[in-house]
N, C-alpha and C. Protein backbone atom coordinates (compact mmCIF):
# COMPACT_ATOMS: atom_id res chain seq x y z
N MET A 1 -10.76 9.50 -11.64
CA MET A 1 -10.27 9.10 -10.38
C MET A 1 -9.92 7.59 -10.42
N ASP A 2 -10.69 6.78 -11.17
CA ASP A 2 -10.39 5.39 -11.25
C ASP A 2 -9.00 5.16 -11.88
N ARG A 3 -8.58 6.02 -12.75
CA ARG A 3 -7.25 5.86 -13.35
C ARG A 3 -6.11 6.10 -12.36
N MET A 4 -6.37 6.90 -11.42
CA MET A 4 -5.34 7.22 -10.41
C MET A 4 -5.15 5.97 -9.51
N PHE A 5 -6.20 5.17 -9.28
CA PHE A 5 -6.01 3.95 -8.49
C PHE A 5 -5.26 2.96 -9.32
N ARG A 6 -5.41 2.93 -10.64
CA ARG A 6 -4.59 2.09 -11.54
C ARG A 6 -3.12 2.57 -11.55
N VAL A 7 -2.88 3.85 -11.48
CA VAL A 7 -1.54 4.40 -11.37
C VAL A 7 -0.91 3.90 -10.05
N LEU A 8 -1.66 4.02 -8.99
CA LEU A 8 -1.18 3.59 -7.63
C LEU A 8 -0.90 2.05 -7.69
N ALA A 9 -1.75 1.25 -8.38
CA ALA A 9 -1.46 -0.15 -8.59
C ALA A 9 -0.15 -0.35 -9.36
N PHE A 10 0.09 0.40 -10.27
CA PHE A 10 1.35 0.28 -11.13
C PHE A 10 2.54 0.47 -10.18
N TRP A 11 2.48 1.59 -9.44
CA TRP A 11 3.67 1.91 -8.62
C TRP A 11 3.88 0.95 -7.46
N THR A 12 2.74 0.53 -6.84
CA THR A 12 2.88 -0.43 -5.78
C THR A 12 3.42 -1.76 -6.33
N GLY A 13 3.00 -2.08 -7.55
CA GLY A 13 3.54 -3.28 -8.26
C GLY A 13 5.03 -3.21 -8.50
N ILE A 14 5.52 -1.98 -8.94
CA ILE A 14 6.97 -1.80 -9.15
C ILE A 14 7.67 -1.95 -7.81
N PHE A 15 7.18 -1.36 -6.81
CA PHE A 15 7.75 -1.43 -5.41
C PHE A 15 7.86 -2.90 -4.98
N ALA A 16 6.69 -3.65 -5.21
CA ALA A 16 6.74 -5.10 -4.85
C ALA A 16 7.77 -5.88 -5.49
N VAL A 17 7.90 -5.64 -6.78
CA VAL A 17 8.99 -6.46 -7.51
C VAL A 17 10.33 -6.08 -7.04
N MET A 18 10.59 -4.77 -6.76
CA MET A 18 11.87 -4.34 -6.29
C MET A 18 12.18 -4.87 -4.86
N PHE A 19 11.18 -4.93 -3.99
CA PHE A 19 11.33 -5.49 -2.71
C PHE A 19 11.61 -7.03 -2.83
N TYR A 20 10.92 -7.70 -3.75
CA TYR A 20 11.15 -9.17 -3.92
C TYR A 20 12.53 -9.41 -4.46
N LEU A 21 12.99 -8.62 -5.38
CA LEU A 21 14.39 -8.70 -5.91
C LEU A 21 15.45 -8.46 -4.83
N GLY A 22 15.03 -7.60 -3.87
CA GLY A 22 15.97 -7.23 -2.76
C GLY A 22 15.88 -8.18 -1.59
N HIS A 23 15.18 -9.35 -1.78
CA HIS A 23 14.96 -10.40 -0.74
C HIS A 23 14.28 -9.85 0.49
N MET A 24 13.40 -8.98 0.28
CA MET A 24 12.46 -8.53 1.35
C MET A 24 11.11 -9.11 1.10
N HIS A 25 10.90 -10.38 1.35
CA HIS A 25 9.70 -11.09 0.93
C HIS A 25 8.41 -10.67 1.61
N GLN A 26 8.58 -10.42 2.94
CA GLN A 26 7.28 -9.96 3.63
C GLN A 26 6.78 -8.58 3.14
N THR A 27 7.73 -7.73 2.91
CA THR A 27 7.44 -6.39 2.36
C THR A 27 6.77 -6.50 0.94
N SER A 28 7.39 -7.39 0.21
CA SER A 28 6.91 -7.51 -1.22
C SER A 28 5.50 -8.14 -1.21
N LEU A 29 5.22 -9.03 -0.28
CA LEU A 29 3.86 -9.51 -0.22
C LEU A 29 2.77 -8.46 0.19
N ILE A 30 3.16 -7.60 1.08
CA ILE A 30 2.30 -6.47 1.50
C ILE A 30 1.99 -5.60 0.29
N PHE A 31 3.06 -5.33 -0.54
CA PHE A 31 2.91 -4.38 -1.66
C PHE A 31 2.13 -5.12 -2.81
N PHE A 32 2.38 -6.43 -2.99
CA PHE A 32 1.60 -7.14 -3.96
C PHE A 32 0.04 -7.10 -3.55
N GLY A 33 -0.22 -7.24 -2.26
CA GLY A 33 -1.60 -7.13 -1.82
C GLY A 33 -2.19 -5.71 -2.10
N GLN A 34 -1.40 -4.68 -1.90
CA GLN A 34 -1.93 -3.38 -2.16
C GLN A 34 -2.11 -3.19 -3.61
N THR A 35 -1.30 -3.77 -4.47
CA THR A 35 -1.42 -3.68 -5.98
C THR A 35 -2.72 -4.35 -6.34
N VAL A 36 -3.06 -5.55 -5.84
CA VAL A 36 -4.31 -6.14 -6.17
C VAL A 36 -5.53 -5.30 -5.74
N PHE A 37 -5.36 -4.76 -4.50
CA PHE A 37 -6.43 -3.91 -3.96
C PHE A 37 -6.68 -2.70 -4.80
N PHE A 38 -5.63 -2.03 -5.18
CA PHE A 38 -5.72 -0.80 -6.00
C PHE A 38 -6.27 -1.14 -7.41
N LEU A 39 -5.79 -2.25 -7.99
CA LEU A 39 -6.28 -2.63 -9.34
C LEU A 39 -7.74 -2.93 -9.36
N PHE A 40 -8.20 -3.66 -8.21
CA PHE A 40 -9.54 -3.97 -8.10
C PHE A 40 -10.41 -2.71 -8.00
N LEU A 41 -9.97 -1.76 -7.19
CA LEU A 41 -10.75 -0.51 -7.01
C LEU A 41 -10.74 0.37 -8.37
N GLY A 42 -9.67 0.22 -9.07
CA GLY A 42 -9.53 1.03 -10.34
C GLY A 42 -10.54 0.67 -11.41
N TYR A 43 -11.03 -0.60 -11.35
CA TYR A 43 -12.02 -1.08 -12.37
C TYR A 43 -13.45 -1.11 -11.81
N LEU A 44 -13.73 -0.56 -10.66
CA LEU A 44 -15.10 -0.58 -10.10
C LEU A 44 -15.99 0.46 -10.69
N LYS A 45 -15.44 1.55 -11.15
CA LYS A 45 -16.21 2.66 -11.73
C LYS A 45 -17.20 3.34 -10.66
N LEU A 46 -16.58 3.59 -9.55
CA LEU A 46 -17.34 4.30 -8.44
C LEU A 46 -17.38 5.81 -8.69
N THR A 47 -18.11 6.44 -7.81
CA THR A 47 -18.12 7.90 -7.92
C THR A 47 -16.84 8.45 -7.34
N GLU A 48 -16.51 9.73 -7.74
CA GLU A 48 -15.31 10.32 -7.24
C GLU A 48 -15.35 10.46 -5.83
N ARG A 49 -16.47 10.88 -5.25
CA ARG A 49 -16.60 10.92 -3.73
C ARG A 49 -16.27 9.60 -3.02
N MET A 50 -16.73 8.55 -3.61
CA MET A 50 -16.54 7.23 -3.00
C MET A 50 -15.08 6.88 -3.07
N TYR A 51 -14.38 7.20 -4.18
CA TYR A 51 -12.96 6.97 -4.29
C TYR A 51 -12.18 7.74 -3.19
N ILE A 52 -12.60 8.96 -3.03
CA ILE A 52 -11.93 9.78 -2.00
C ILE A 52 -12.14 9.22 -0.60
N TYR A 53 -13.37 8.73 -0.33
CA TYR A 53 -13.65 8.09 1.02
C TYR A 53 -12.79 6.90 1.22
N ILE A 54 -12.72 6.06 0.16
CA ILE A 54 -11.87 4.80 0.26
C ILE A 54 -10.43 5.13 0.48
N PHE A 55 -9.92 6.12 -0.29
CA PHE A 55 -8.52 6.57 -0.10
C PHE A 55 -8.30 7.10 1.32
N GLY A 56 -9.17 7.84 1.74
CA GLY A 56 -9.03 8.39 3.16
C GLY A 56 -8.98 7.32 4.22
N ALA A 57 -9.87 6.32 4.01
CA ALA A 57 -9.90 5.15 4.96
C ALA A 57 -8.58 4.41 4.85
N TYR A 58 -8.11 4.22 3.64
CA TYR A 58 -6.85 3.51 3.37
C TYR A 58 -5.65 4.27 4.16
N LEU A 59 -5.57 5.58 3.97
CA LEU A 59 -4.52 6.33 4.64
C LEU A 59 -4.61 6.28 6.10
N THR A 60 -5.84 6.33 6.63
CA THR A 60 -6.02 6.22 8.14
C THR A 60 -5.49 4.91 8.65
N ILE A 61 -5.83 3.82 8.02
CA ILE A 61 -5.41 2.48 8.48
C ILE A 61 -3.92 2.40 8.30
N PHE A 62 -3.35 2.84 7.15
CA PHE A 62 -1.91 2.81 6.96
C PHE A 62 -1.15 3.52 8.08
N PHE A 63 -1.55 4.78 8.29
CA PHE A 63 -0.83 5.59 9.28
C PHE A 63 -0.93 5.03 10.63
N ALA A 64 -2.10 4.47 11.02
CA ALA A 64 -2.27 3.86 12.35
C ALA A 64 -1.35 2.65 12.50
N ALA A 65 -1.34 1.79 11.44
CA ALA A 65 -0.49 0.60 11.51
C ALA A 65 0.94 1.00 11.45
N PHE A 66 1.36 1.95 10.69
CA PHE A 66 2.74 2.39 10.61
C PHE A 66 3.23 2.94 11.90
N THR A 67 2.42 3.70 12.57
CA THR A 67 2.72 4.32 13.86
C THR A 67 2.91 3.25 14.91
N TYR A 68 1.98 2.32 14.89
CA TYR A 68 2.00 1.16 15.87
C TYR A 68 3.36 0.40 15.65
N TRP A 69 3.69 0.15 14.34
CA TRP A 69 4.83 -0.66 14.03
C TRP A 69 6.16 0.02 14.47
N THR A 70 6.26 1.35 14.19
CA THR A 70 7.47 2.06 14.46
C THR A 70 7.57 2.30 15.97
N THR A 71 6.45 2.42 16.72
CA THR A 71 6.55 2.62 18.16
C THR A 71 6.77 1.47 18.93
N PHE A 72 6.11 0.32 18.63
CA PHE A 72 6.19 -0.80 19.54
C PHE A 72 6.87 -2.06 18.95
N MET A 73 7.13 -2.16 17.64
CA MET A 73 7.71 -3.39 17.04
C MET A 73 9.18 -3.21 16.61
N MET A 74 9.51 -1.97 16.28
CA MET A 74 10.93 -1.79 15.81
C MET A 74 11.87 -1.81 17.02
N ILE A 75 13.02 -2.40 16.88
CA ILE A 75 13.99 -2.45 17.84
C ILE A 75 15.02 -1.31 17.58
N PRO A 76 15.23 -0.38 18.54
CA PRO A 76 16.17 0.59 18.30
C PRO A 76 17.62 0.16 18.07
N GLY A 77 18.32 0.68 17.07
CA GLY A 77 19.68 0.31 16.76
C GLY A 77 19.71 -1.00 16.00
N MET A 78 18.61 -1.50 15.46
CA MET A 78 18.61 -2.78 14.70
C MET A 78 19.35 -2.66 13.42
N GLY A 79 19.34 -1.47 12.77
CA GLY A 79 19.88 -1.35 11.42
C GLY A 79 21.40 -1.13 11.43
N GLU A 80 22.01 -1.06 12.54
CA GLU A 80 23.44 -0.77 12.61
C GLU A 80 24.28 -1.98 12.41
């Protein structure tokens, strides 16, 4: 399970670099932070159950923040 967190760190790192190259600096910083978080967790050698709990908490926080952002912060028609 620890290897999967290192895989997540790899992919979030790739996304962070692509966002940075696309001049989306705030988004790239968020993804660099996630990369560090996943890399840190990947080397902790926790039990599989603990990794599942941490991932579940991560998903809960992400979905709550994403829902808040898309509902209250995004301006309709801004991308046109």
